[in-house]
């Protein structure tokens, strides 16, 4: 909350001023929220988010329902079998930081310069009914034709809980901390690492960005996660899993 209300970015500060956002209230709100579990990326929700952004571009609108098609329809069309969902859209985003601040501050014409309720923020942070959502897909659409009023970037988040299983997700990144800031940065991901659990039905292989996700059920009894690669010694993490998603990163250089 402190960072987002003091980015120093001119376009972010302009919107904060325009909506008369009370920075101290936003910071206090953020401080009051209980830390919750992470969302896991899902390729079908990524496809749904891409479809959401494309439909807004093609119809030159910012809307959840376009030509009678709602977010659930797009998720179904993209192959995601849902029993609950949420969606964030920003068809007039200026850049990545601008949309990130816009969604999380949730500036608007409500009390303290924030939308009422701040549904985008709630979706991202898992507050209220959004707390049941476990997976996400994101699309940032560039290269909007000049004749369109939307843009220059159209950002869509599609979030859901699958209806055909009751899985939770172990998710994170495998990375080399090249700048020693104890944080994953772009370009640090390690591709092709196999991540497995001592129990359970699934394993994962990290993507080009180092990301991975493993589904698990509460009954699996997983207590240990291992990351295998020919390029470093096997990494082992002991875990205590509950009925919620779990975030686990591996940094072979730092272990």
C-alpha atoms as a PDB file:
ATOM      1  CA  UNK A   1       0.000   0.000   0.000  1.00  0.00           C
ATOM      2  CA  UNK A   2       2.858   2.370   0.798  1.00  0.00           C
ATOM      3  CA  UNK A   3       4.557   1.582  -2.508  1.00  0.00           C
ATOM      4  CA  UNK A   4       1.437   1.895  -4.655  1.00  0.00           C
ATOM      5  CA  UNK A   5       0.454   5.257  -3.209  1.00  0.00           C
ATOM      6  CA  UNK A   6       4.009   6.650  -3.584  1.00  0.00           C
ATOM      7  CA  UNK A   7       5.317   5.243  -6.881  1.00  0.00           C
ATOM      8  CA  UNK A   8       6.396   8.625  -8.203  1.00  0.00           C
ATOM      9  CA  UNK A   9       4.991   7.627 -11.611  1.00  0.00           C
ATOM     10  CA  UNK A  10       3.341  10.694 -13.143  1.00  0.00           C
ATOM     11  CA  UNK A  11       0.324   8.882 -14.619  1.00  0.00           C
ATOM     12  CA  UNK A  12      -0.355   7.003 -11.368  1.00  0.00           C
ATOM     13  CA  UNK A  13      -0.117  10.193  -9.303  1.00  0.00           C
ATOM     14  CA  UNK A  14      -2.403  11.954 -11.790  1.00  0.00           C
ATOM     15  CA  UNK A  15      -5.158   9.377 -11.296  1.00  0.00           C
ATOM     16  CA  UNK A  16      -4.680   9.406  -7.513  1.00  0.00           C
ATOM     17  CA  UNK A  17      -5.137  13.180  -7.616  1.00  0.00           C
ATOM     18  CA  UNK A  18      -8.050  13.077 -10.066  1.00  0.00           C
ATOM     19  CA  UNK A  19     -10.053  10.688  -7.878  1.00  0.00           C
ATOM     20  CA  UNK A  20      -8.869  12.375  -4.678  1.00  0.00           C
ATOM     21  CA  UNK A  21      -7.563   9.105  -3.283  1.00  0.00           C
ATOM     22  CA  UNK A  22      -6.804   9.298   0.413  1.00  0.00           C
ATOM     23  CA  UNK A  23      -3.421   7.639   0.489  1.00  0.00           C
ATOM     24  CA  UNK A  24      -3.391   7.178   4.245  1.00  0.00           C
ATOM     25  CA  UNK A  25      -6.720   5.297   4.084  1.00  0.00           C
ATOM     26  CA  UNK A  26      -5.441   2.974   1.344  1.00  0.00           C
ATOM     27  CA  UNK A  27      -2.310   2.249   3.376  1.00  0.00           C
ATOM     28  CA  UNK A  28      -4.384   1.587   6.489  1.00  0.00           C
ATOM     29  CA  UNK A  29      -6.672  -0.740   4.543  1.00  0.00           C
ATOM     30  CA  UNK A  30      -3.740  -2.721   3.209  1.00  0.00           C
ATOM     31  CA  UNK A  31      -2.251  -3.018   6.678  1.00  0.00           C
ATOM     32  CA  UNK A  32      -5.519  -4.440   8.012  1.00  0.00           C
ATOM     33  CA  UNK A  33      -5.717  -7.309   5.510  1.00  0.00           C
ATOM     34  CA  UNK A  34      -4.768 -10.804   6.624  1.00  0.00           C
ATOM     35  CA  UNK A  35      -2.109 -12.514   4.523  1.00  0.00           C
ATOM     36  CA  UNK A  36      -3.695 -15.232   2.416  1.00  0.00           C
ATOM     37  CA  UNK A  37      -2.678 -17.951  -0.029  1.00  0.00           C
ATOM     38  CA  UNK A  38      -1.378 -17.267  -3.562  1.00  0.00           C
ATOM     39  CA  UNK A  39      -3.235 -17.841  -6.803  1.00  0.00           C
ATOM     40  CA  UNK A  40      -1.855 -20.418  -9.238  1.00  0.00           C
ATOM     41  CA  UNK A  41      -1.653 -19.720 -12.967  1.00  0.00           C
ATOM     42  CA  UNK A  42      -3.959 -21.774 -15.196  1.00  0.00           C
ATOM     43  CA  UNK A  43      -3.511 -21.994 -18.972  1.00  0.00           C
ATOM     44  CA  UNK A  44      -7.269 -22.074 -19.629  1.00  0.00           C
ATOM     45  CA  UNK A  45      -7.770 -18.906 -17.581  1.00  0.00           C
ATOM     46  CA  UNK A  46      -4.863 -17.325 -19.478  1.00  0.00           C
ATOM     47  CA  UNK A  47      -6.767 -18.109 -22.678  1.00  0.00           C
ATOM     48  CA  UNK A  48      -9.960 -16.662 -21.210  1.00  0.00           C
ATOM     49  CA  UNK A  49      -8.162 -13.455 -20.205  1.00  0.00           C
ATOM     50  CA  UNK A  50      -6.755 -13.162 -23.721  1.00  0.00           C
ATOM     51  CA  UNK A  51     -10.246 -13.557 -25.146  1.00  0.00           C
ATOM     52  CA  UNK A  52     -11.548 -10.890 -22.734  1.00  0.00           C
ATOM     53  CA  UNK A  53      -8.922  -8.388 -23.866  1.00  0.00           C
ATOM     54  CA  UNK A  54      -9.450  -9.198 -27.540  1.00  0.00           C
ATOM     55  CA  UNK A  55     -13.220  -8.781 -27.317  1.00  0.00           C
ATOM     56  CA  UNK A  56     -12.782  -5.382 -25.676  1.00  0.00           C
ATOM     57  CA  UNK A  57     -10.354  -4.337 -28.397  1.00  0.00           C
ATOM     58  CA  UNK A  58     -12.523  -5.601 -31.234  1.00  0.00           C
ATOM     59  CA  UNK A  59     -15.666  -3.945 -29.833  1.00  0.00           C
ATOM     60  CA  UNK A  60     -13.829  -0.848 -28.564  1.00  0.00           C
ATOM     61  CA  UNK A  61     -15.360  -1.069 -25.083  1.00  0.00           C
ATOM     62  CA  UNK A  62     -14.459  -1.670 -21.463  1.00  0.00           C
ATOM     63  CA  UNK A  63     -17.039  -4.206 -20.327  1.00  0.00           C
ATOM     64  CA  UNK A  64     -17.374  -7.615 -18.681  1.00  0.00           C
ATOM     65  CA  UNK A  65     -20.373  -8.577 -20.815  1.00  0.00           C
ATOM     66  CA  UNK A  66     -19.780  -8.054 -24.537  1.00  0.00           C
ATOM     67  CA  UNK A  67     -22.358  -9.030 -27.148  1.00  0.00           C
ATOM     68  CA  UNK A  68     -24.112 -11.100 -24.480  1.00  0.00           C
ATOM     69  CA  UNK A  69     -20.949 -13.045 -23.578  1.00  0.00           C
ATOM     70  CA  UNK A  70     -20.032 -12.888 -19.885  1.00  0.00           C
ATOM     71  CA  UNK A  71     -16.808 -13.917 -18.082  1.00  0.00           C
ATOM     72  CA  UNK A  72     -18.113 -17.393 -17.270  1.00  0.00           C
ATOM     73  CA  UNK A  73     -18.970 -17.935 -20.932  1.00  0.00           C
ATOM     74  CA  UNK A  74     -15.423 -16.987 -21.961  1.00  0.00           C
ATOM     75  CA  UNK A  75     -13.903 -19.291 -19.350  1.00  0.00           C
ATOM     76  CA  UNK A  76     -16.084 -22.180 -20.521  1.00  0.00           C
ATOM     77  CA  UNK A  77     -15.227 -21.438 -24.141  1.00  0.00           C
ATOM     78  CA  UNK A  78     -11.530 -21.491 -23.206  1.00  0.00           C
ATOM     79  CA  UNK A  79     -11.797 -24.920 -21.557  1.00  0.00           C
ATOM     80  CA  UNK A  80     -12.000 -23.954 -17.874  1.00  0.00           C
ATOM     81  CA  UNK A  81     -14.644 -25.853 -15.911  1.00  0.00           C
ATOM     82  CA  UNK A  82     -15.549 -23.426 -13.167  1.00  0.00           C
ATOM     83  CA  UNK A  83     -17.807 -23.336 -10.150  1.00  0.00           C
ATOM     84  CA  UNK A  84     -16.910 -19.757  -9.265  1.00  0.00           C
ATOM     85  CA  UNK A  85     -15.071 -16.889 -10.923  1.00  0.00           C
ATOM     86  CA  UNK A  86     -14.029 -13.258 -10.793  1.00  0.00           C
ATOM     87  CA  UNK A  87     -12.723 -10.863 -13.418  1.00  0.00           C
ATOM     88  CA  UNK A  88     -10.770  -7.588 -13.465  1.00  0.00           C
ATOM     89  CA  UNK A  89     -10.525  -5.461 -16.608  1.00  0.00           C
ATOM     90  CA  UNK A  90      -8.756  -2.226 -17.490  1.00  0.00           C
ATOM     91  CA  UNK A  91      -9.189  -1.368 -21.164  1.00  0.00           C
ATOM     92  CA  UNK A  92      -7.523   2.050 -20.824  1.00  0.00           C
ATOM     93  CA  UNK A  93      -4.306   1.085 -19.070  1.00  0.00           C
ATOM     94  CA  UNK A  94      -1.223   3.188 -19.772  1.00  0.00           C
ATOM     95  CA  UNK A  95       1.447   0.717 -18.654  1.00  0.00           C
ATOM     96  CA  UNK A  96       2.008  -2.239 -16.327  1.00  0.00           C
ATOM     97  CA  UNK A  97       2.534  -0.206 -13.163  1.00  0.00           C
ATOM     98  CA  UNK A  98      -0.476   1.979 -13.948  1.00  0.00           C
ATOM     99  CA  UNK A  99      -2.841  -0.996 -14.222  1.00  0.00           C
ATOM    100  CA  UNK A 100      -1.312  -2.666 -11.156  1.00  0.00           C
ATOM    101  CA  UNK A 101      -1.867   0.471  -9.088  1.00  0.00           C
ATOM    102  CA  UNK A 102      -5.313   1.023 -10.592  1.00  0.00           C
ATOM    103  CA  UNK A 103      -6.525  -2.469  -9.707  1.00  0.00           C
ATOM    104  CA  UNK A 104      -5.049  -2.543  -6.209  1.00  0.00           C
ATOM    105  CA  UNK A 105      -5.812   0.994  -5.099  1.00  0.00           C
ATOM    106  CA  UNK A 106      -9.059   0.591  -7.049  1.00  0.00           C
ATOM    107  CA  UNK A 107      -9.411   4.320  -7.574  1.00  0.00           C
ATOM    108  CA  UNK A 108     -12.898   5.525  -8.416  1.00  0.00           C
ATOM    109  CA  UNK A 109     -15.804   7.720  -7.358  1.00  0.00           C
ATOM    110  CA  UNK A 110     -16.469   6.090  -4.004  1.00  0.00           C
ATOM    111  CA  UNK A 111     -15.474   7.080  -0.460  1.00  0.00           C
ATOM    112  CA  UNK A 112     -11.839   8.152  -0.096  1.00  0.00           C
ATOM    113  CA  UNK A 113     -11.381   8.048  -3.865  1.00  0.00           C
ATOM    114  CA  UNK A 114     -11.825   4.269  -4.012  1.00  0.00           C
ATOM    115  CA  UNK A 115     -14.527   2.220  -5.733  1.00  0.00           C
ATOM    116  CA  UNK A 116     -17.211   0.933  -3.368  1.00  0.00           C
ATOM    117  CA  UNK A 117     -16.704  -1.919  -2.856  1.00  0.00           C
ATOM    118  CA  UNK A 118     -13.117  -2.186  -4.189  1.00  0.00           C
ATOM    119  CA  UNK A 119     -13.889  -5.384  -6.095  1.00  0.00           C
ATOM    120  CA  UNK A 120     -10.694  -5.446  -8.175  1.00  0.00           C
ATOM    121  CA  UNK A 121      -8.623  -5.249  -4.988  1.00  0.00           C
ATOM    122  CA  UNK A 122     -10.748  -7.908  -3.317  1.00  0.00           C
ATOM    123  CA  UNK A 123     -10.297 -10.278  -6.275  1.00  0.00           C
ATOM    124  CA  UNK A 124      -6.515  -9.889  -6.224  1.00  0.00           C
ATOM    125  CA  UNK A 125      -6.170 -10.122  -2.442  1.00  0.00           C
ATOM    126  CA  UNK A 126      -8.715 -12.875  -1.817  1.00  0.00           C
ATOM    127  CA  UNK A 127     -11.038 -10.818   0.366  1.00  0.00           C
ATOM    128  CA  UNK A 128     -14.665 -11.781   1.008  1.00  0.00           C
ATOM    129  CA  UNK A 129     -16.209 -14.095  -1.571  1.00  0.00           C
ATOM    130  CA  UNK A 130     -13.044 -13.761  -3.668  1.00  0.00           C
ATOM    131  CA  UNK A 131     -11.221 -15.766  -0.999  1.00  0.00           C
ATOM    132  CA  UNK A 132     -12.436 -19.028  -2.534  1.00  0.00           C
ATOM    133  CA  UNK A 133     -10.737 -18.359  -5.897  1.00  0.00           C
ATOM    134  CA  UNK A 134      -7.580 -20.430  -6.424  1.00  0.00           C
ATOM    135  CA  UNK A 135      -6.391 -19.901  -9.999  1.00  0.00           C
ATOM    136  CA  UNK A 136      -5.730 -16.994 -12.339  1.00  0.00           C
ATOM    137  CA  UNK A 137      -4.991 -16.035 -15.913  1.00  0.00           C
ATOM    138  CA  UNK A 138      -3.665 -12.675 -17.073  1.00  0.00           C
ATOM    139  CA  UNK A 139      -3.455 -10.970 -20.469  1.00  0.00           C
ATOM    140  CA  UNK A 140      -1.864  -7.632 -21.361  1.00  0.00           C
ATOM    141  CA  UNK A 141      -2.829  -6.783 -24.925  1.00  0.00           C
ATOM    142  CA  UNK A 142      -0.599  -4.333 -26.792  1.00  0.00           C
ATOM    143  CA  UNK A 143      -0.616  -2.893 -30.321  1.00  0.00           C
ATOM    144  CA  UNK A 144      -4.141  -1.497 -30.159  1.00  0.00           C
ATOM    145  CA  UNK A 145      -5.148   0.034 -33.534  1.00  0.00           C
ATOM    146  CA  UNK A 146      -4.960   3.832 -33.562  1.00  0.00           C
ATOM    147  CA  UNK A 147      -8.641   4.230 -34.433  1.00  0.00           C
ATOM    148  CA  UNK A 148      -9.718   2.509 -31.203  1.00  0.00           C
ATOM    149  CA  UNK A 149     -10.563   4.524 -28.093  1.00  0.00           C
ATOM    150  CA  UNK A 150      -9.367   1.718 -25.785  1.00  0.00           C
ATOM    151  CA  UNK A 151      -5.709   1.201 -25.010  1.00  0.00           C
ATOM    152  CA  UNK A 152      -2.806   1.738 -25.199  1.00  0.00           C
ATOM    153  CA  UNK A 153      -2.897  -1.494 -23.183  1.00  0.00           C
ATOM    154  CA  UNK A 154      -5.867  -3.699 -22.352  1.00  0.00           C
ATOM    155  CA  UNK A 155      -5.327  -5.699 -19.161  1.00  0.00           C
ATOM    156  CA  UNK A 156      -7.580  -8.591 -18.107  1.00  0.00           C
ATOM    157  CA  UNK A 157      -7.459 -10.872 -15.062  1.00  0.00           C
ATOM    158  CA  UNK A 158      -9.656 -13.975 -15.034  1.00  0.00           C
ATOM    159  CA  UNK A 159      -9.783 -15.827 -11.720  1.00  0.00           C
ATOM    160  CA  UNK A 160     -11.582 -19.008 -10.793  1.00  0.00           C
ATOM    161  CA  UNK A 161     -12.151 -22.102  -8.749  1.00  0.00           C
ATOM    162  CA  UNK A 162     -12.491 -25.253 -10.810  1.00  0.00           C
ATOM    163  CA  UNK A 163     -15.736 -27.171 -10.633  1.00  0.00           C
ATOM    164  CA  UNK A 164     -14.472 -30.620 -11.651  1.00  0.00           C
ATOM    165  CA  UNK A 165     -12.110 -31.301  -8.728  1.00  0.00           C
ATOM    166  CA  UNK A 166     -11.211 -30.106  -5.261  1.00  0.00           C
ATOM    167  CA  UNK A 167      -7.494 -29.559  -5.808  1.00  0.00           C
ATOM    168  CA  UNK A 168      -5.303 -26.927  -4.252  1.00  0.00           C
ATOM    169  CA  UNK A 169      -1.951 -25.894  -5.697  1.00  0.00           C
ATOM    170  CA  UNK A 170       1.705 -25.737  -4.695  1.00  0.00           C
ATOM    171  CA  UNK A 171       3.111 -22.961  -6.864  1.00  0.00           C
ATOM    172  CA  UNK A 172       6.217 -20.824  -7.161  1.00  0.00           C
ATOM    173  CA  UNK A 173       9.384 -20.224  -9.162  1.00  0.00           C
ATOM    174  CA  UNK A 174      12.830 -21.798  -9.517  1.00  0.00           C
ATOM    175  CA  UNK A 175      15.345 -18.984  -9.926  1.00  0.00           C
ATOM    176  CA  UNK A 176      18.935 -17.835  -9.599  1.00  0.00           C
ATOM    177  CA  UNK A 177      19.062 -14.644  -7.542  1.00  0.00           C
ATOM    178  CA  UNK A 178      21.505 -12.883  -9.886  1.00  0.00           C
ATOM    179  CA  UNK A 179      21.253  -9.485  -8.177  1.00  0.00           C
ATOM    180  CA  UNK A 180      21.159 -10.906  -4.617  1.00  0.00           C
ATOM    181  CA  UNK A 181      17.974  -9.082  -3.614  1.00  0.00           C
ATOM    182  CA  UNK A 182      16.270 -12.227  -2.244  1.00  0.00           C
ATOM    183  CA  UNK A 183      13.463 -11.760  -4.774  1.00  0.00           C
ATOM    184  CA  UNK A 184      12.552 -13.218  -8.160  1.00  0.00           C
ATOM    185  CA  UNK A 185      13.209 -10.797 -11.031  1.00  0.00           C
ATOM    186  CA  UNK A 186      12.621 -11.183 -14.758  1.00  0.00           C
ATOM    187  CA  UNK A 187      15.405 -13.152 -16.425  1.00  0.00           C
ATOM    188  CA  UNK A 188      16.294 -15.138 -13.295  1.00  0.00           C
ATOM    189  CA  UNK A 189      13.978 -18.128 -13.875  1.00  0.00           C
ATOM    190  CA  UNK A 190      15.424 -21.603 -14.432  1.00  0.00           C
ATOM    191  CA  UNK A 191      13.691 -23.702 -17.085  1.00  0.00           C
ATOM    192  CA  UNK A 192      13.329 -27.482 -17.189  1.00  0.00           C
ATOM    193  CA  UNK A 193      13.558 -28.257 -13.466  1.00  0.00           C
ATOM    194  CA  UNK A 194      11.426 -31.194 -12.289  1.00  0.00           C
ATOM    195  CA  UNK A 195       9.487 -30.527  -9.085  1.00  0.00           C
ATOM    196  CA  UNK A 196       7.854 -33.470  -7.318  1.00  0.00           C
ATOM    197  CA  UNK A 197       6.143 -34.295  -4.042  1.00  0.00           C
ATOM    198  CA  UNK A 198       6.768 -37.267  -1.773  1.00  0.00           C
ATOM    199  CA  UNK A 199       3.076 -38.173  -2.087  1.00  0.00           C
ATOM    200  CA  UNK A 200       0.392 -37.112  -4.501  1.00  0.00           C
ATOM    201  CA  UNK A 201      -0.394 -37.797  -8.135  1.00  0.00           C
ATOM    202  CA  UNK A 202       1.356 -34.943  -9.946  1.00  0.00           C
ATOM    203  CA  UNK A 203       4.711 -33.363 -10.671  1.00  0.00           C
ATOM    204  CA  UNK A 204       5.747 -30.277 -12.654  1.00  0.00           C
ATOM    205  CA  UNK A 205       8.529 -29.074 -14.955  1.00  0.00           C
ATOM    206  CA  UNK A 206       9.411 -25.384 -14.665  1.00  0.00           C
ATOM    207  CA  UNK A 207       8.632 -23.060 -17.569  1.00  0.00           C
ATOM    208  CA  UNK A 208      11.032 -20.699 -19.355  1.00  0.00           C
ATOM    209  CA  UNK A 209      10.330 -18.147 -16.623  1.00  0.00           C
ATOM    210  CA  UNK A 210      10.982 -20.687 -13.861  1.00  0.00           C
ATOM    211  CA  UNK A 211       7.334 -21.052 -12.825  1.00  0.00           C
ATOM    212  CA  UNK A 212       5.676 -24.301 -11.748  1.00  0.00           C
ATOM    213  CA  UNK A 213       2.386 -25.523 -10.271  1.00  0.00           C
ATOM    214  CA  UNK A 214       1.509 -28.890  -8.703  1.00  0.00           C
ATOM    215  CA  UNK A 215      -2.100 -29.792  -7.838  1.00  0.00           C
ATOM    216  CA  UNK A 216      -2.700 -31.620  -4.573  1.00  0.00           C
ATOM    217  CA  UNK A 217      -5.595 -32.764  -2.441  1.00  0.00           C
ATOM    218  CA  UNK A 218      -5.839 -32.550   1.309  1.00  0.00           C
ATOM    219  CA  UNK A 219      -5.783 -36.354   1.479  1.00  0.00           C
ATOM    220  CA  UNK A 220      -2.398 -36.727  -0.267  1.00  0.00           C
ATOM    221  CA  UNK A 221      -0.382 -36.242   2.908  1.00  0.00           C
ATOM    222  CA  UNK A 222       2.462 -34.343   1.187  1.00  0.00           C
ATOM    223  CA  UNK A 223       5.290 -33.400   3.563  1.00  0.00           C
ATOM    224  CA  UNK A 224       8.258 -32.857   1.239  1.00  0.00           C
ATOM    225  CA  UNK A 225       8.851 -31.137  -2.134  1.00  0.00           C
ATOM    226  CA  UNK A 226      11.978 -31.745  -4.214  1.00  0.00           C
ATOM    227  CA  UNK A 227      13.456 -29.898  -7.209  1.00  0.00           C
ATOM    228  CA  UNK A 228      15.715 -31.934  -9.525  1.00  0.00           C
ATOM    229  CA  UNK A 229      18.120 -30.655 -12.183  1.00  0.00           C
ATOM    230  CA  UNK A 230      21.398 -31.692 -13.804  1.00  0.00           C
ATOM    231  CA  UNK A 231      22.692 -28.180 -13.107  1.00  0.00           C
ATOM    232  CA  UNK A 232      22.454 -28.145  -9.304  1.00  0.00           C
ATOM    233  CA  UNK A 233      22.124 -30.518  -6.376  1.00  0.00           C
ATOM    234  CA  UNK A 234      18.626 -31.657  -5.483  1.00  0.00           C
ATOM    235  CA  UNK A 235      16.720 -29.041  -3.504  1.00  0.00           C
ATOM    236  CA  UNK A 236      14.442 -30.317  -0.724  1.00  0.00           C
ATOM    237  CA  UNK A 237      11.785 -28.393   1.200  1.00  0.00           C
ATOM    238  CA  UNK A 238       9.713 -29.727   4.086  1.00  0.00           C
ATOM    239  CA  UNK A 239       6.142 -28.400   3.956  1.00  0.00           C
ATOM    240  CA  UNK A 240       3.038 -28.347   6.115  1.00  0.00           C
ATOM    241  CA  UNK A 241       0.078 -28.157   3.774  1.00  0.00           C
ATOM    242  CA  UNK A 242      -3.444 -27.128   4.625  1.00  0.00           C
ATOM    243  CA  UNK A 243      -6.589 -26.902   2.506  1.00  0.00           C
ATOM    244  CA  UNK A 244      -5.345 -23.871   0.586  1.00  0.00           C
ATOM    245  CA  UNK A 245      -2.712 -22.986  -2.000  1.00  0.00           C
ATOM    246  CA  UNK A 246       0.922 -22.971  -0.912  1.00  0.00           C
ATOM    247  CA  UNK A 247       3.765 -20.756  -2.202  1.00  0.00           C
ATOM    248  CA  UNK A 248       7.225 -22.345  -2.468  1.00  0.00           C
ATOM    249  CA  UNK A 249      10.205 -20.884  -4.353  1.00  0.00           C
ATOM    250  CA  UNK A 250      13.590 -22.538  -4.881  1.00  0.00           C
ATOM    251  CA  UNK A 251      16.796 -20.529  -5.159  1.00  0.00           C
ATOM    252  CA  UNK A 252      19.624 -23.052  -5.691  1.00  0.00           C
ATOM    253  CA  UNK A 253      22.326 -20.379  -5.405  1.00  0.00           C
ATOM    254  CA  UNK A 254      21.086 -19.386  -1.974  1.00  0.00           C
ATOM    255  CA  UNK A 255      20.705 -22.835  -0.448  1.00  0.00           C
END
